[in-house]
Protein backbone atom coordinates (compact mmCIF):
# COMPACT_ATOMS: atom_id res chain seq x y z
CA MET A 1 -9.26 0.76 9.03
CA SER A 2 -12.87 -0.41 8.88
CA ASN A 3 -13.41 0.87 12.43
CA GLN A 4 -12.08 4.28 11.40
CA LEU A 5 -14.45 4.39 8.45
CA ASN A 6 -17.38 3.39 10.62
CA ALA A 7 -16.48 6.11 13.12
CA ALA A 8 -16.31 8.69 10.33
CA ALA A 9 -19.67 7.53 9.01
CA ALA A 10 -21.20 7.78 12.47
CA MET A 11 -19.94 11.34 12.91
CA ALA A 12 -21.36 12.30 9.52
CA GLN A 13 -24.80 11.03 10.51
CA GLY A 14 -25.32 14.13 12.64
CA LEU A 15 -25.05 16.37 9.58
CA PRO A 16 -27.84 17.11 7.10
CA PRO A 17 -27.59 15.15 3.83
CA GLU A 18 -26.34 18.13 1.84
CA ALA A 19 -23.49 18.66 4.29
CA GLN A 20 -22.57 14.98 4.20
CA LEU A 21 -22.45 15.03 0.41
CA ALA A 22 -20.43 18.26 0.37
CA GLN A 23 -17.86 16.68 2.67
CA LEU A 24 -17.47 13.85 0.19
CA PHE A 25 -16.97 15.88 -2.97
CA MET A 26 -14.81 18.49 -1.22
CA GLY A 27 -12.59 15.76 0.20
CA ALA A 28 -10.14 16.23 -2.67
CA PHE A 29 -8.90 19.43 -1.02
CA VAL A 30 -8.19 17.65 2.25
CA SER A 31 -6.37 14.87 0.41
CA GLN A 32 -4.11 17.36 -1.35
CA ALA A 33 -3.51 19.27 1.87
CA VAL A 34 -2.29 16.05 3.51
CA TYR A 35 -0.02 15.50 0.51
CA VAL A 36 1.45 19.00 0.80
CA GLY A 37 2.10 18.48 4.50
CA ALA A 38 3.83 15.18 3.77
CA LYS A 39 5.81 16.51 0.81
CA LEU A 40 7.11 19.47 2.80
CA GLY A 41 8.06 17.29 5.76
CA LEU A 42 6.11 19.44 8.22
CA ALA A 43 5.68 16.64 10.75
CA ASP A 44 9.46 16.13 10.84
CA LEU A 45 9.93 19.82 11.64
CA LEU A 46 7.50 19.57 14.56
CA VAL A 47 8.99 16.45 16.19
CA ASP A 48 10.69 18.49 18.91
CA GLY A 49 7.67 20.64 19.68
CA PRO A 50 5.40 23.43 18.41
CA LEU A 51 6.65 26.03 15.94
CA PRO A 52 5.13 29.20 14.51
CA VAL A 53 4.02 29.04 10.90
CA SER A 54 6.51 31.79 10.05
CA GLU A 55 9.37 29.47 10.99
CA LEU A 56 7.78 26.51 9.18
CA ALA A 57 7.40 28.65 6.05
CA ALA A 58 11.03 29.75 6.23
CA LYS A 59 12.26 26.19 6.65
CA THR A 60 10.12 24.89 3.75
CA GLU A 61 10.58 27.94 1.49
CA THR A 62 6.84 28.45 1.18
CA HIS A 63 4.45 31.40 1.25
CA GLU A 64 3.66 31.96 4.92
CA ARG A 65 -0.01 32.93 4.64
CA SER A 66 -0.77 30.14 2.18
CA LEU A 67 0.99 27.58 4.35
CA TYR A 68 -1.01 28.77 7.34
CA ARG A 69 -4.26 28.26 5.44
CA VAL A 70 -3.28 24.69 4.56
CA MET A 71 -2.25 23.91 8.15
CA ARG A 72 -5.45 25.45 9.50
CA THR A 73 -7.43 23.15 7.20
CA LEU A 74 -5.42 20.13 8.28
CA SER A 75 -5.80 21.02 11.95
CA SER A 76 -9.57 21.10 11.48
CA VAL A 77 -9.48 17.38 10.62
CA GLY A 78 -6.96 16.39 13.29
CA VAL A 79 -3.76 16.50 11.23
CA PHE A 80 -1.66 18.99 13.28
CA ALA A 81 -3.12 21.24 15.96
CA GLU A 82 -3.00 25.04 16.31
CA THR A 83 -1.97 25.48 19.95
CA ASP A 84 -1.66 29.28 19.85
CA PRO A 85 -2.45 31.71 17.05
CA LYS A 86 -0.42 30.52 14.04
CA VAL A 87 1.59 28.03 16.13
CA PHE A 88 1.29 24.34 15.33
CA GLN A 89 2.23 21.01 16.86
CA ASN A 90 1.96 17.37 15.88
CA THR A 91 -1.02 15.19 16.70
CA PRO A 92 -1.39 11.38 16.60
CA LEU A 93 -2.40 11.71 12.94
CA SER A 94 0.38 14.04 11.82
CA SER A 95 2.91 11.95 13.74
CA LEU A 96 2.23 9.23 11.18
CA LEU A 97 3.80 11.58 8.61
CA VAL A 98 7.15 11.67 10.43
CA THR A 99 9.63 10.11 8.01
CA GLU A 100 11.39 7.83 10.47
CA GLY A 101 8.36 7.06 12.60
CA PRO A 102 7.74 3.38 13.40
CA ALA A 103 4.44 3.43 11.50
CA SER A 104 5.26 6.22 9.06
CA MET A 105 2.78 6.82 6.26
CA ARG A 106 4.59 9.82 4.81
CA TYR A 107 5.49 8.15 1.52
CA VAL A 108 1.99 6.71 1.18
CA ALA A 109 0.57 10.23 1.41
CA MET A 110 3.16 11.43 -1.09
CA TRP A 111 2.43 8.62 -3.54
CA MET A 112 -1.30 9.30 -3.41
CA GLY A 113 -0.83 13.02 -4.00
CA GLU A 114 2.01 13.27 -6.51
CA GLU A 115 0.88 15.20 -9.58
CA GLU A 116 1.45 12.31 -11.99
CA HIS A 117 -0.79 10.13 -9.84
CA TRP A 118 -3.32 12.76 -8.83
CA ARG A 119 -3.97 13.73 -12.44
CA VAL A 120 -5.31 10.25 -13.15
CA TYR A 121 -8.17 10.63 -10.66
CA GLY A 122 -9.87 13.14 -12.92
CA HIS A 123 -10.42 10.40 -15.50
CA LEU A 124 -12.50 7.95 -13.47
CA LEU A 125 -15.35 8.34 -15.94
CA HIS A 126 -13.07 7.03 -18.68
CA SER A 127 -12.42 3.86 -16.67
CA VAL A 128 -16.10 3.42 -15.88
CA LYS A 129 -17.05 3.73 -19.55
CA THR A 130 -14.28 1.57 -20.98
CA GLY A 131 -13.19 -0.74 -18.16
CA GLU A 132 -9.61 0.33 -18.90
CA PRO A 133 -7.18 1.99 -16.46
CA ALA A 134 -7.16 5.76 -16.80
CA TRP A 135 -3.42 5.80 -16.10
CA ASP A 136 -2.71 4.49 -19.61
CA LYS A 137 -4.89 7.22 -21.14
CA VAL A 138 -3.20 10.00 -19.14
CA HIS A 139 0.42 8.83 -19.44
CA GLY A 140 0.42 6.83 -22.65
CA GLU A 141 1.71 3.63 -21.02
CA PRO A 142 0.80 1.33 -18.10
CA VAL A 143 1.67 2.36 -14.56
CA PHE A 144 4.55 -0.01 -13.81
CA PRO A 145 6.64 0.67 -16.94
CA TYR A 146 5.98 4.37 -16.35
CA MET A 147 7.20 4.25 -12.74
CA PHE A 148 10.21 2.00 -13.16
CA GLN A 149 11.44 3.09 -16.59
CA THR A 150 10.00 6.46 -17.62
CA ASN A 151 9.82 8.11 -14.20
CA PRO A 152 11.97 6.19 -11.69
CA ALA A 153 11.75 9.04 -9.15
CA LEU A 154 8.02 8.36 -8.85
CA GLY A 155 8.78 4.64 -8.71
CA ASP A 156 11.06 5.28 -5.74
CA ILE A 157 8.23 7.03 -3.87
CA PHE A 158 5.93 4.12 -4.73
CA ASN A 159 8.41 1.55 -3.40
CA LYS A 160 8.82 3.51 -0.17
CA ALA A 161 5.04 3.74 0.15
CA MET A 162 4.72 -0.03 -0.24
CA THR A 163 7.41 -0.49 2.41
CA SER A 164 5.32 1.72 4.71
CA PHE A 165 2.34 -0.58 4.19
CA SER A 166 4.60 -3.52 5.00
CA HIS A 167 5.63 -1.90 8.30
CA GLN A 168 1.99 -2.14 9.37
CA VAL A 169 1.42 -5.65 8.07
CA VAL A 170 4.54 -7.48 9.33
CA PRO A 171 3.63 -7.70 13.04
CA GLU A 172 0.06 -8.67 12.14
CA LEU A 173 1.27 -11.40 9.79
CA LEU A 174 3.73 -12.81 12.30
CA GLY A 175 1.14 -12.77 15.06
CA ALA A 176 -1.43 -14.66 13.00
CA TYR A 177 0.54 -17.04 10.78
CA ASP A 178 2.95 -19.79 11.81
CA PHE A 179 6.06 -20.23 9.64
CA SER A 180 7.55 -22.93 11.89
CA GLY A 181 9.34 -25.63 9.90
CA VAL A 182 9.42 -23.53 6.73
CA LYS A 183 12.81 -23.81 5.06
CA THR A 184 12.33 -21.33 2.20
CA VAL A 185 10.01 -18.35 1.94
CA ALA A 186 9.59 -16.68 -1.45
CA ASP A 187 8.38 -13.07 -1.56
CA ILE A 188 6.96 -12.70 -5.06
CA ALA A 189 7.15 -9.14 -6.40
CA GLY A 190 8.17 -8.24 -2.86
CA GLY A 191 9.68 -4.84 -3.59
CA HIS A 192 12.58 -4.12 -1.26
CA GLY A 193 11.79 -7.19 0.83
CA HIS A 194 10.37 -5.71 4.02
CA ILE A 195 7.83 -8.52 4.51
CA LEU A 196 10.44 -11.18 3.78
CA ALA A 197 12.93 -9.56 6.17
CA GLY A 198 10.34 -9.54 8.95
CA VAL A 199 9.62 -13.26 8.50
CA LEU A 200 13.33 -14.17 8.41
CA GLN A 201 14.05 -12.13 11.53
CA ALA A 202 11.35 -14.06 13.39
CA TYR A 203 12.44 -17.44 11.96
CA PRO A 204 16.27 -17.45 11.87
CA GLU A 205 16.41 -21.01 10.50
CA ALA A 206 14.57 -20.01 7.30
CA HIS A 207 15.98 -18.74 4.03
CA GLY A 208 14.30 -16.39 1.58
CA VAL A 209 14.00 -15.59 -2.09
CA LEU A 210 13.07 -12.09 -3.17
CA PHE A 211 11.63 -12.19 -6.69
CA ASP A 212 11.01 -8.97 -8.60
CA LEU A 213 12.00 -6.85 -11.56
CA LYS A 214 15.63 -5.77 -11.81
CA PRO A 215 15.04 -2.03 -11.11
CA VAL A 216 13.18 -2.93 -7.92
CA LEU A 217 15.77 -5.43 -6.67
CA GLU A 218 18.51 -2.85 -7.08
CA GLY A 219 17.05 -1.02 -4.09
CA ALA A 220 16.54 -4.09 -1.91
CA ARG A 221 20.02 -5.00 -0.73
CA GLY A 222 20.34 -2.05 1.65
CA LEU A 223 17.10 -2.85 3.45
CA LEU A 224 17.94 -6.54 3.76
CA GLU A 225 21.37 -5.69 5.16
CA SER A 226 19.87 -3.23 7.65
CA LYS A 227 17.58 -5.99 8.90
CA GLY A 228 20.48 -8.43 9.25
CA VAL A 229 19.07 -11.02 6.85
CA ALA A 230 20.89 -10.31 3.57
CA ASP A 231 23.04 -13.42 3.92
CA ARG A 232 19.90 -15.59 3.95
CA VAL A 233 18.20 -14.02 0.93
CA THR A 234 18.62 -14.83 -2.75
CA LEU A 235 17.66 -12.03 -5.13
CA GLN A 236 15.92 -13.52 -8.16
CA GLU A 237 15.21 -11.25 -11.11
CA GLY A 238 12.21 -12.09 -13.27
CA ASN A 239 8.76 -11.36 -14.62
CA PHE A 240 5.97 -13.37 -13.01
CA PHE A 241 3.91 -13.27 -16.19
CA GLU A 242 6.61 -15.30 -17.91
CA ALA A 243 7.74 -17.68 -15.16
CA VAL A 244 8.39 -17.94 -11.42
CA PRO A 245 11.59 -20.04 -11.30
CA VAL A 246 11.54 -20.29 -7.52
CA GLU A 247 10.94 -23.36 -5.37
CA ALA A 248 9.77 -22.56 -1.85
CA ASP A 249 7.60 -23.86 0.97
CA VAL A 250 5.61 -20.62 1.18
CA TYR A 251 5.01 -18.06 -1.56
CA ILE A 252 3.98 -14.63 -0.23
CA LEU A 253 2.30 -12.10 -2.50
CA LYS A 254 1.44 -8.82 -0.77
CA TYR A 255 -0.86 -6.43 -2.63
CA ILE A 256 0.02 -8.12 -5.94
CA ILE A 257 -3.11 -9.96 -7.04
CA HIS A 258 -5.25 -6.83 -6.69
CA ASP A 259 -3.12 -5.08 -9.33
CA TRP A 260 -4.34 -7.30 -12.17
CA ASP A 261 -7.46 -8.54 -13.91
CA ASP A 262 -8.57 -12.14 -13.48
CA ASP A 263 -6.77 -13.56 -16.52
CA LYS A 264 -3.43 -11.99 -15.55
CA CYS A 265 -3.84 -13.23 -11.97
CA VAL A 266 -4.46 -16.75 -13.25
CA THR A 267 -1.25 -16.51 -15.28
CA ILE A 268 0.73 -15.50 -12.17
CA LEU A 269 -0.79 -18.22 -10.01
CA LYS A 270 -0.38 -20.90 -12.68
CA ASN A 271 3.31 -20.03 -12.95
CA ILE A 272 3.61 -20.62 -9.21
CA ARG A 273 1.54 -23.80 -9.47
CA ARG A 274 4.09 -25.21 -11.95
CA VAL A 275 6.93 -24.99 -9.42
CA ILE A 276 5.31 -25.29 -6.00
CA PRO A 277 6.50 -28.42 -4.17
CA GLU A 278 4.17 -30.86 -2.47
CA GLY A 279 2.85 -29.32 0.73
CA GLY A 280 3.68 -25.81 -0.43
CA ARG A 281 1.41 -22.88 0.35
CA VAL A 282 0.49 -19.61 -1.31
CA VAL A 283 -0.15 -16.73 1.09
CA LEU A 284 -1.83 -13.65 -0.33
CA LEU A 285 -1.90 -10.47 1.74
CA GLU A 286 -4.90 -8.74 0.26
CA ALA A 287 -8.00 -6.82 1.23
CA VAL A 288 -11.12 -9.00 1.17
CA VAL A 289 -14.21 -7.03 0.18
CA PRO A 290 -17.18 -7.66 2.50
CA GLU A 291 -20.68 -7.97 1.12
CA GLY A 292 -23.31 -5.30 1.74
CA ASN A 293 -23.18 -1.54 2.32
CA ALA A 294 -20.83 -1.37 5.31
CA PRO A 295 -17.94 1.09 4.92
CA ASP A 296 -14.64 -0.68 4.25
CA PHE A 297 -11.20 0.43 3.10
CA SER A 298 -11.26 -2.19 0.35
CA LYS A 299 -14.19 -0.49 -1.36
CA ILE A 300 -12.32 2.79 -1.55
CA ILE A 301 -8.92 1.46 -2.64
CA ASP A 302 -10.80 -0.49 -5.31
CA MET A 303 -11.17 2.83 -7.17
CA GLU A 304 -7.37 3.10 -7.24
CA MET A 305 -7.18 -0.37 -8.74
CA LEU A 306 -9.71 0.55 -11.41
CA LEU A 307 -7.92 3.79 -12.30
CA THR A 308 -4.26 2.90 -12.07
CA PRO A 309 -3.18 -0.69 -12.79
CA GLY A 310 -6.56 -1.97 -13.99
CA GLY A 311 -6.93 -4.54 -11.21
CA LEU A 312 -9.56 -4.93 -8.51
CA GLU A 313 -10.19 -5.80 -4.89
CA ARG A 314 -12.03 -9.12 -4.51
CA THR A 315 -14.53 -10.88 -2.31
CA ALA A 316 -13.77 -14.23 -0.68
CA ALA A 317 -15.77 -15.97 -3.40
CA GLU A 318 -13.78 -14.22 -6.13
CA PHE A 319 -10.50 -15.31 -4.56
CA GLY A 320 -11.83 -18.87 -4.48
CA GLU A 321 -12.64 -18.69 -8.20
CA LEU A 322 -9.15 -17.40 -9.04
CA PHE A 323 -7.53 -20.25 -7.15
CA GLU A 324 -9.77 -22.84 -8.76
CA ARG A 325 -8.87 -21.60 -12.24
CA SER A 326 -5.17 -21.75 -11.33
CA GLY A 327 -4.97 -25.27 -9.91
CA PHE A 328 -5.21 -24.28 -6.24
CA LYS A 329 -7.88 -24.44 -3.59
CA MET A 330 -8.40 -21.78 -0.96
CA SER A 331 -7.72 -23.26 2.47
CA ARG A 332 -8.55 -20.36 4.78
CA ILE A 333 -8.84 -16.61 5.26
CA ILE A 334 -7.36 -15.05 8.39
CA PRO A 335 -8.54 -11.47 9.05
CA LEU A 336 -5.91 -9.11 10.43
CA ASN A 337 -6.19 -5.86 12.34
CA SER A 338 -5.16 -4.01 9.21
CA PRO A 339 -6.56 -3.34 5.73
CA VAL A 340 -5.42 -6.80 4.56
CA SER A 341 -6.22 -10.39 5.41
CA ILE A 342 -4.21 -13.58 4.95
CA VAL A 343 -5.70 -15.55 2.07
CA GLU A 344 -4.10 -19.00 1.96
CA ALA A 345 -4.23 -21.63 -0.76
CA VAL A 346 -2.72 -25.05 -1.42
CA ALA A 347 -2.35 -27.09 -4.57
CA ALA A 348 -5.62 -28.74 -5.62
């Protein structure tokens, strides 16, 4: 991801400053165009080859000329390609929006662009002035109760988006981290359990515990069964702010710590510290913010954390401080070829 950002920055250097700035503040239109393409399932329709926009409009029940204008915009940035006048095909970028693709990001694009989510972006100034998540101001309640109680359809898109992220992370995690000898792996707030399933598939002697809220766990059994690991997984309902009644050799938390402010993170980690056995490890899968001005995905997604749950992306030093406050010590950071790194800690 960092390499992609650096490449984009290098391309922009050939433009005059006013054009570079215009690209930045007009980027909202491109983001919404990607969302529309994902929402309509256009990449799925083009899996078997190019189609005219008239046929795409008929299949998606959209206005043909307007759809063409969106696809022309997307093609200008490499998402789809116009091969003949008003005929489009997939590209490496749009292929990532195919629903069943091995590295599908369709639900990620949908989550980022859904109206209930998108509306929050217009209130960044509120978060900057108050330090509070704009989501609460826009929707009248925090993001997770909203998604899993008030608007479960949006919560379903979110869970599928997080599973998409897990698709990318699992092979990187397994290639960089050794789970040999681990008897029990706990996936804390692990959603539908994609990370846990990947570990258990690679280590058939291990057992797993998937710990999350009840509405989330209700959607997990199907995935675990499809991966052939359901018989080795215990589903444990709970709230990690209250307790983590799970004893395991390794506790995995993927994209969890970045959702919360420091005090809430300390609460989560202390609850794990109370139950972790001797020799146990905590493995965070999180972005680690680099120092300096270099482009990095973590610095962009940090705006999402500010706006939506009220959390933040952290530097290595900030992770170390969290662990110290929680009774752990950071043992190592393993960079991955993905937006996240492995941040490991052991009991102090």
